[in-house]
Amino acid sequence: MNIEQTLADVVQRVAKDAGVDNLGAPQADTNLMDYFDSLALLNVVMATETELEIGLGRYVMLADETLMDAARSPFLRFGTWCRYVADAAARG
């Protein structure tokens, strides 16, 4: 499973559903919090968990206290979000 490509697909799908037309393909330094409100970010989390469960055959919980923290959120950079998800998937 290519985590980065899966997450890029999820982000673009949520952007389309949320009516975000100016995002394009997310780059490593793309700040997702600049494009999505908290509801759309929640949709990114839920869609990512679904894709991980399909791809890995097991549920991976992604929500924690840092997700929406304006200073520490992995959503501040798409590359950080990818690492966050990969680390969570590796942990189990």
C-alpha atoms as a PDB file:
ATOM      1  CA  MET A   1       0.000   0.000   0.000  1.00  0.00           C
ATOM      2  CA  ASN A   2       1.416   3.369  -1.029  1.00  0.00           C
ATOM      3  CA  ILE A   3       0.442   5.573   1.934  1.00  0.00           C
ATOM      4  CA  GLU A   4       1.351   8.867   0.255  1.00  0.00           C
ATOM      5  CA  GLN A   5      -0.681   8.149  -2.877  1.00  0.00           C
ATOM      6  CA  THR A   6      -3.611   6.853  -0.837  1.00  0.00           C
ATOM      7  CA  LEU A   7      -3.595   9.993   1.303  1.00  0.00           C
ATOM      8  CA  ALA A   8      -3.305  12.268  -1.734  1.00  0.00           C
ATOM      9  CA  ASP A   9      -6.348  10.516  -3.223  1.00  0.00           C
ATOM     10  CA  VAL A  10      -8.273  10.906   0.054  1.00  0.00           C
ATOM     11  CA  VAL A  11      -7.381  14.600   0.326  1.00  0.00           C
ATOM     12  CA  GLN A  12      -8.429  15.278  -3.262  1.00  0.00           C
ATOM     13  CA  ARG A  13     -11.698  13.366  -2.786  1.00  0.00           C
ATOM     14  CA  VAL A  14     -12.537  15.319   0.381  1.00  0.00           C
ATOM     15  CA  ALA A  15     -11.563  18.586  -1.329  1.00  0.00           C
ATOM     16  CA  LYS A  16     -13.971  17.836  -4.167  1.00  0.00           C
ATOM     17  CA  ASP A  17     -16.768  16.926  -1.733  1.00  0.00           C
ATOM     18  CA  ALA A  18     -16.104  20.095   0.318  1.00  0.00           C
ATOM     19  CA  GLY A  19     -16.065  22.330  -2.760  1.00  0.00           C
ATOM     20  CA  VAL A  20     -12.379  23.203  -2.367  1.00  0.00           C
ATOM     21  CA  ASP A  21     -11.322  23.982  -5.928  1.00  0.00           C
ATOM     22  CA  ASN A  22      -7.886  25.524  -5.382  1.00  0.00           C
ATOM     23  CA  LEU A  23      -6.019  22.672  -3.658  1.00  0.00           C
ATOM     24  CA  GLY A  24      -4.758  20.569  -6.557  1.00  0.00           C
ATOM     25  CA  ALA A  25      -2.448  17.656  -5.803  1.00  0.00           C
ATOM     26  CA  PRO A  26      -1.090  18.082  -2.270  1.00  0.00           C
ATOM     27  CA  GLN A  27       2.656  18.589  -2.006  1.00  0.00           C
ATOM     28  CA  ALA A  28       4.826  17.687   1.010  1.00  0.00           C
ATOM     29  CA  ASP A  29       4.615  21.251   2.352  1.00  0.00           C
ATOM     30  CA  THR A  30       0.877  21.774   1.704  1.00  0.00           C
ATOM     31  CA  ASN A  31      -0.853  22.988   4.867  1.00  0.00           C
ATOM     32  CA  LEU A  32      -4.167  21.125   4.851  1.00  0.00           C
ATOM     33  CA  MET A  33      -5.512  23.407   7.581  1.00  0.00           C
ATOM     34  CA  ASP A  34      -5.342  26.276   5.078  1.00  0.00           C
ATOM     35  CA  TYR A  35      -7.812  24.485   2.797  1.00  0.00           C
ATOM     36  CA  PHE A  36     -10.140  22.527   5.081  1.00  0.00           C
ATOM     37  CA  ASP A  37     -12.348  23.392   8.022  1.00  0.00           C
ATOM     38  CA  SER A  38     -12.508  21.039  11.008  1.00  0.00           C
ATOM     39  CA  LEU A  39     -15.401  19.023   9.566  1.00  0.00           C
ATOM     40  CA  ALA A  40     -13.532  18.411   6.311  1.00  0.00           C
ATOM     41  CA  LEU A  41     -10.404  17.427   8.274  1.00  0.00           C
ATOM     42  CA  LEU A  42     -12.521  14.948  10.232  1.00  0.00           C
ATOM     43  CA  ASN A  43     -13.661  13.553   6.886  1.00  0.00           C
ATOM     44  CA  VAL A  44      -9.994  13.196   5.873  1.00  0.00           C
ATOM     45  CA  VAL A  45      -9.350  11.210   9.066  1.00  0.00           C
ATOM     46  CA  MET A  46     -12.374   8.954   8.640  1.00  0.00           C
ATOM     47  CA  ALA A  47     -11.707   8.324   4.940  1.00  0.00           C
ATOM     48  CA  THR A  48      -8.053   7.601   5.717  1.00  0.00           C
ATOM     49  CA  GLU A  49      -9.025   5.102   8.430  1.00  0.00           C
ATOM     50  CA  THR A  50     -11.349   3.393   5.947  1.00  0.00           C
ATOM     51  CA  GLU A  51      -8.649   3.197   3.271  1.00  0.00           C
ATOM     52  CA  LEU A  52      -6.144   1.808   5.783  1.00  0.00           C
ATOM     53  CA  GLU A  53      -8.609  -0.829   6.926  1.00  0.00           C
ATOM     54  CA  ILE A  54      -9.226  -1.891   3.332  1.00  0.00           C
ATOM     55  CA  GLY A  55      -5.532  -1.863   2.420  1.00  0.00           C
ATOM     56  CA  LEU A  56      -4.137  -3.402   5.598  1.00  0.00           C
ATOM     57  CA  GLY A  57      -7.023  -5.614   6.606  1.00  0.00           C
ATOM     58  CA  ARG A  58      -7.200  -4.082  10.084  1.00  0.00           C
ATOM     59  CA  TYR A  59      -8.453  -0.912  11.739  1.00  0.00           C
ATOM     60  CA  VAL A  60      -5.891   1.813  12.519  1.00  0.00           C
ATOM     61  CA  MET A  61      -7.080   4.597  14.832  1.00  0.00           C
ATOM     62  CA  LEU A  62      -5.669   7.996  13.831  1.00  0.00           C
ATOM     63  CA  ALA A  63      -7.425  10.428  16.172  1.00  0.00           C
ATOM     64  CA  ASP A  64      -5.432  11.858  19.067  1.00  0.00           C
ATOM     65  CA  GLU A  65      -5.068  15.153  20.915  1.00  0.00           C
ATOM     66  CA  THR A  66      -2.691  16.681  18.336  1.00  0.00           C
ATOM     67  CA  LEU A  67      -4.859  16.405  15.229  1.00  0.00           C
ATOM     68  CA  MET A  68      -6.535  19.799  15.527  1.00  0.00           C
ATOM     69  CA  ASP A  69      -3.823  21.548  17.570  1.00  0.00           C
ATOM     70  CA  ALA A  70      -2.929  24.641  15.541  1.00  0.00           C
ATOM     71  CA  ALA A  71       0.734  24.398  16.571  1.00  0.00           C
ATOM     72  CA  ARG A  72       1.312  20.613  16.470  1.00  0.00           C
ATOM     73  CA  SER A  73      -1.192  19.163  14.031  1.00  0.00           C
ATOM     74  CA  PRO A  74       0.104  16.715  11.433  1.00  0.00           C
ATOM     75  CA  PHE A  75      -2.246  18.542   9.037  1.00  0.00           C
ATOM     76  CA  LEU A  76       0.145  21.516   8.991  1.00  0.00           C
ATOM     77  CA  ARG A  77       2.151  19.754   6.253  1.00  0.00           C
ATOM     78  CA  PHE A  78       0.917  16.976   3.980  1.00  0.00           C
ATOM     79  CA  GLY A  79       4.309  15.263   4.362  1.00  0.00           C
ATOM     80  CA  THR A  80       3.867  15.249   8.147  1.00  0.00           C
ATOM     81  CA  TRP A  81       0.366  13.791   7.746  1.00  0.00           C
ATOM     82  CA  CYS A  82       1.829  11.003   5.596  1.00  0.00           C
ATOM     83  CA  ARG A  83       4.470  10.196   8.235  1.00  0.00           C
ATOM     84  CA  TYR A  84       1.870  10.364  11.007  1.00  0.00           C
ATOM     85  CA  VAL A  85      -0.355   7.859   9.199  1.00  0.00           C
ATOM     86  CA  ALA A  86       2.550   5.573   8.271  1.00  0.00           C
ATOM     87  CA  ASP A  87       3.724   5.556  11.897  1.00  0.00           C
ATOM     88  CA  ALA A  88       0.210   4.791  13.166  1.00  0.00           C
ATOM     89  CA  ALA A  89      -0.134   1.961  10.641  1.00  0.00           C
ATOM     90  CA  ALA A  90       3.229   0.507  11.684  1.00  0.00           C
ATOM     91  CA  ARG A  91       2.273   0.624  15.373  1.00  0.00           C
ATOM     92  CA  GLY A  92      -0.742  -1.475  14.747  1.00  0.00           C
END
